[in-house]
Amino acid sequence: MNRKILLVEDNPQNRYLAMFLLERSGYIVAAAVDGRAAIDMAVDLRPDAVLLDIQLPGMDGYAVARELRSIPALEHTPIIAVTSYAMPGDRDKALAAGCVGYIEKPIDPEGFVAEVERYLPPQSRGDAA
């Protein structure tokens, strides 16, 4: 079974790079460019994980994470913040909003997929026999 990732990223270059790396590794990737679209897509898609930019137009990633956590069908879906916010406290703020992980931008193309996979449950990685 192919794993599904919802990528929430408004920057076209960042979105392209993340999608390329994930798809090359066998993931099915859907992309949203703002928070409201991300929430609607997550409800329909039921992704194995959400990669969430924090600095989004309109609704920031913290609000998106909190809303995703309030949806019963998504309450256990890993949400990983992928953000250029790297000030003291930013990681804690993302985790408090409901993210399970935090990846700083710019992403490292060599290790990005492995970083994402650290936060996926084993059955979502296909480890179960």
C-alpha atoms as a PDB file:
ATOM      1  CA  MET A   1       0.000   0.000   0.000  1.00  0.00           C
ATOM      2  CA  ASN A   2       1.352   3.409  -0.940  1.00  0.00           C
ATOM      3  CA  ARG A   3       1.711   5.913   1.858  1.00  0.00           C
ATOM      4  CA  LYS A   4      -0.103   9.235   1.560  1.00  0.00           C
ATOM      5  CA  ILE A   5       1.385  12.539   2.661  1.00  0.00           C
ATOM      6  CA  LEU A   6      -0.435  15.852   2.762  1.00  0.00           C
ATOM      7  CA  LEU A   7       2.069  18.642   2.164  1.00  0.00           C
ATOM      8  CA  VAL A   8       0.918  22.096   3.267  1.00  0.00           C
ATOM      9  CA  GLU A   9       3.295  24.624   1.727  1.00  0.00           C
ATOM     10  CA  ASP A  10       2.566  27.958   0.057  1.00  0.00           C
ATOM     11  CA  ASN A  11       6.018  28.489  -1.488  1.00  0.00           C
ATOM     12  CA  PRO A  12       6.135  26.875  -4.961  1.00  0.00           C
ATOM     13  CA  GLN A  13       9.864  26.050  -4.849  1.00  0.00           C
ATOM     14  CA  ASN A  14       9.670  24.467  -1.385  1.00  0.00           C
ATOM     15  CA  ARG A  15       6.538  22.565  -2.400  1.00  0.00           C
ATOM     16  CA  TYR A  16       8.171  21.252  -5.584  1.00  0.00           C
ATOM     17  CA  LEU A  17      11.315  20.057  -3.793  1.00  0.00           C
ATOM     18  CA  ALA A  18       9.450  18.286  -0.984  1.00  0.00           C
ATOM     19  CA  MET A  19       7.028  16.657  -3.429  1.00  0.00           C
ATOM     20  CA  PHE A  20       9.871  15.518  -5.677  1.00  0.00           C
ATOM     21  CA  LEU A  21      11.801  13.941  -2.808  1.00  0.00           C
ATOM     22  CA  LEU A  22       8.762  12.211  -1.331  1.00  0.00           C
ATOM     23  CA  GLU A  23       7.362  10.952  -4.638  1.00  0.00           C
ATOM     24  CA  ARG A  24      10.794   9.634  -5.628  1.00  0.00           C
ATOM     25  CA  SER A  25      10.674   7.579  -2.421  1.00  0.00           C
ATOM     26  CA  GLY A  26       7.290   6.092  -3.275  1.00  0.00           C
ATOM     27  CA  TYR A  27       4.915   8.393  -1.416  1.00  0.00           C
ATOM     28  CA  ILE A  28       1.662   9.672  -2.840  1.00  0.00           C
ATOM     29  CA  VAL A  29       1.699  13.409  -2.160  1.00  0.00           C
ATOM     30  CA  ALA A  30      -1.215  15.815  -2.156  1.00  0.00           C
ATOM     31  CA  ALA A  31      -0.470  19.502  -1.718  1.00  0.00           C
ATOM     32  CA  ALA A  32      -2.388  22.385  -0.196  1.00  0.00           C
ATOM     33  CA  VAL A  33      -1.257  26.006  -0.294  1.00  0.00           C
ATOM     34  CA  ASP A  34      -3.243  27.327   2.667  1.00  0.00           C
ATOM     35  CA  GLY A  35      -4.673  26.165   5.952  1.00  0.00           C
ATOM     36  CA  ARG A  36      -8.349  25.926   5.037  1.00  0.00           C
ATOM     37  CA  ALA A  37      -7.585  23.822   1.948  1.00  0.00           C
ATOM     38  CA  ALA A  38      -5.282  21.638   4.042  1.00  0.00           C
ATOM     39  CA  ILE A  39      -7.997  20.877   6.586  1.00  0.00           C
ATOM     40  CA  ASP A  40     -10.543  20.046   3.887  1.00  0.00           C
ATOM     41  CA  MET A  41      -8.048  17.841   2.046  1.00  0.00           C
ATOM     42  CA  ALA A  42      -6.972  16.054   5.229  1.00  0.00           C
ATOM     43  CA  VAL A  43     -10.575  15.114   6.023  1.00  0.00           C
ATOM     44  CA  ASP A  44     -11.043  13.647   2.536  1.00  0.00           C
ATOM     45  CA  LEU A  45      -7.590  12.116   2.077  1.00  0.00           C
ATOM     46  CA  ARG A  46      -6.927  10.708   5.569  1.00  0.00           C
ATOM     47  CA  PRO A  47      -3.156  10.959   5.012  1.00  0.00           C
ATOM     48  CA  ASP A  48      -0.540   8.882   6.808  1.00  0.00           C
ATOM     49  CA  ALA A  49       1.120  12.185   7.782  1.00  0.00           C
ATOM     50  CA  VAL A  50       0.804  15.937   7.318  1.00  0.00           C
ATOM     51  CA  LEU A  51       3.873  18.062   6.576  1.00  0.00           C
ATOM     52  CA  LEU A  52       2.874  21.524   7.694  1.00  0.00           C
ATOM     53  CA  ASP A  53       4.512  24.851   6.996  1.00  0.00           C
ATOM     54  CA  ILE A  54       3.873  27.213   9.904  1.00  0.00           C
ATOM     55  CA  GLN A  55       3.979  30.507   8.025  1.00  0.00           C
ATOM     56  CA  LEU A  56       0.913  30.267   5.785  1.00  0.00           C
ATOM     57  CA  PRO A  57      -1.371  32.928   4.343  1.00  0.00           C
ATOM     58  CA  GLY A  58      -4.530  33.556   6.345  1.00  0.00           C
ATOM     59  CA  MET A  59      -4.496  30.728   8.870  1.00  0.00           C
ATOM     60  CA  ASP A  60      -1.075  29.907  10.331  1.00  0.00           C
ATOM     61  CA  GLY A  61       0.201  26.369  10.783  1.00  0.00           C
ATOM     62  CA  TYR A  62      -0.375  26.416  14.538  1.00  0.00           C
ATOM     63  CA  ALA A  63      -4.104  27.001  13.979  1.00  0.00           C
ATOM     64  CA  VAL A  64      -4.177  24.324  11.281  1.00  0.00           C
ATOM     65  CA  ALA A  65      -2.533  21.789  13.607  1.00  0.00           C
ATOM     66  CA  ARG A  66      -4.975  22.579  16.420  1.00  0.00           C
ATOM     67  CA  GLU A  67      -7.957  22.197  14.100  1.00  0.00           C
ATOM     68  CA  LEU A  68      -6.657  18.923  12.646  1.00  0.00           C
ATOM     69  CA  ARG A  69      -6.221  17.595  16.188  1.00  0.00           C
ATOM     70  CA  SER A  70      -9.875  18.423  16.933  1.00  0.00           C
ATOM     71  CA  ILE A  71     -11.111  16.116  14.127  1.00  0.00           C
ATOM     72  CA  PRO A  72     -11.568  12.596  15.560  1.00  0.00           C
ATOM     73  CA  ALA A  73     -10.507  10.808  12.358  1.00  0.00           C
ATOM     74  CA  LEU A  74      -7.236  12.796  12.303  1.00  0.00           C
ATOM     75  CA  GLU A  75      -6.373  13.064  15.988  1.00  0.00           C
ATOM     76  CA  HIS A  76      -3.592  10.464  15.710  1.00  0.00           C
ATOM     77  CA  THR A  77      -2.272  11.469  12.278  1.00  0.00           C
ATOM     78  CA  PRO A  78       1.344  12.633  12.625  1.00  0.00           C
ATOM     79  CA  ILE A  79       1.686  16.340  11.903  1.00  0.00           C
ATOM     80  CA  ILE A  80       5.251  17.442  11.246  1.00  0.00           C
ATOM     81  CA  ALA A  81       6.068  21.140  11.195  1.00  0.00           C
ATOM     82  CA  VAL A  82       8.405  22.022   8.321  1.00  0.00           C
ATOM     83  CA  THR A  83       9.361  25.606   8.906  1.00  0.00           C
ATOM     84  CA  SER A  84      11.956  28.331   8.780  1.00  0.00           C
ATOM     85  CA  TYR A  85      10.879  29.398  12.275  1.00  0.00           C
ATOM     86  CA  ALA A  86      13.985  28.510  14.244  1.00  0.00           C
ATOM     87  CA  MET A  87      13.911  30.872  17.198  1.00  0.00           C
ATOM     88  CA  PRO A  88      13.975  29.573  20.765  1.00  0.00           C
ATOM     89  CA  GLY A  89      10.492  28.388  21.648  1.00  0.00           C
ATOM     90  CA  ASP A  90       9.277  27.844  18.062  1.00  0.00           C
ATOM     91  CA  ARG A  91       9.692  24.060  18.302  1.00  0.00           C
ATOM     92  CA  ASP A  92       7.815  23.979  21.615  1.00  0.00           C
ATOM     93  CA  LYS A  93       5.038  26.120  20.155  1.00  0.00           C
ATOM     94  CA  ALA A  94       4.629  23.711  17.212  1.00  0.00           C
ATOM     95  CA  LEU A  95       4.550  20.707  19.540  1.00  0.00           C
ATOM     96  CA  ALA A  96       2.027  22.424  21.825  1.00  0.00           C
ATOM     97  CA  ALA A  97      -0.235  23.039  18.800  1.00  0.00           C
ATOM     98  CA  GLY A  98      -0.310  19.306  18.049  1.00  0.00           C
ATOM     99  CA  CYS A  99       2.730  18.614  15.892  1.00  0.00           C
ATOM    100  CA  VAL A 100       4.730  15.488  16.695  1.00  0.00           C
ATOM    101  CA  GLY A 101       7.873  16.660  14.963  1.00  0.00           C
ATOM    102  CA  TYR A 102       9.736  19.674  13.678  1.00  0.00           C
ATOM    103  CA  ILE A 103      11.954  19.921  10.585  1.00  0.00           C
ATOM    104  CA  GLU A 104      13.806  23.160   9.927  1.00  0.00           C
ATOM    105  CA  LYS A 105      14.034  24.812   6.529  1.00  0.00           C
ATOM    106  CA  PRO A 106      15.891  24.870   4.341  1.00  0.00           C
ATOM    107  CA  ILE A 107      15.375  21.124   4.166  1.00  0.00           C
ATOM    108  CA  ASP A 108      18.311  18.816   3.550  1.00  0.00           C
ATOM    109  CA  PRO A 109      17.497  16.919   0.338  1.00  0.00           C
ATOM    110  CA  GLU A 110      19.804  14.067   1.388  1.00  0.00           C
ATOM    111  CA  GLY A 111      18.040  13.399   4.689  1.00  0.00           C
ATOM    112  CA  PHE A 112      14.547  14.869   4.318  1.00  0.00           C
ATOM    113  CA  VAL A 113      12.626  11.644   3.638  1.00  0.00           C
ATOM    114  CA  ALA A 114      14.404   9.827   6.471  1.00  0.00           C
ATOM    115  CA  GLU A 115      13.520  12.695   8.807  1.00  0.00           C
ATOM    116  CA  VAL A 116       9.863  12.484   7.804  1.00  0.00           C
ATOM    117  CA  GLU A 117       9.849   8.702   8.257  1.00  0.00           C
ATOM    118  CA  ARG A 118      11.053   9.049  11.856  1.00  0.00           C
ATOM    119  CA  TYR A 119       7.580  10.324  12.723  1.00  0.00           C
ATOM    120  CA  LEU A 120       5.524   7.733  10.833  1.00  0.00           C
ATOM    121  CA  PRO A 121       4.108   4.739  12.674  1.00  0.00           C
ATOM    122  CA  PRO A 122       5.792   1.482  11.567  1.00  0.00           C
ATOM    123  CA  GLN A 123       2.714   0.194   9.711  1.00  0.00           C
ATOM    124  CA  SER A 124       2.638   3.420   7.654  1.00  0.00           C
ATOM    125  CA  ARG A 125       6.212   2.781   6.509  1.00  0.00           C
ATOM    126  CA  GLY A 126       5.309  -0.727   5.377  1.00  0.00           C
ATOM    127  CA  ASP A 127       7.473  -2.339   8.096  1.00  0.00           C
ATOM    128  CA  ALA A 128       4.724  -4.702   9.179  1.00  0.00           C
ATOM    129  CA  ALA A 129       5.081  -8.129   7.589  1.00  0.00           C
END
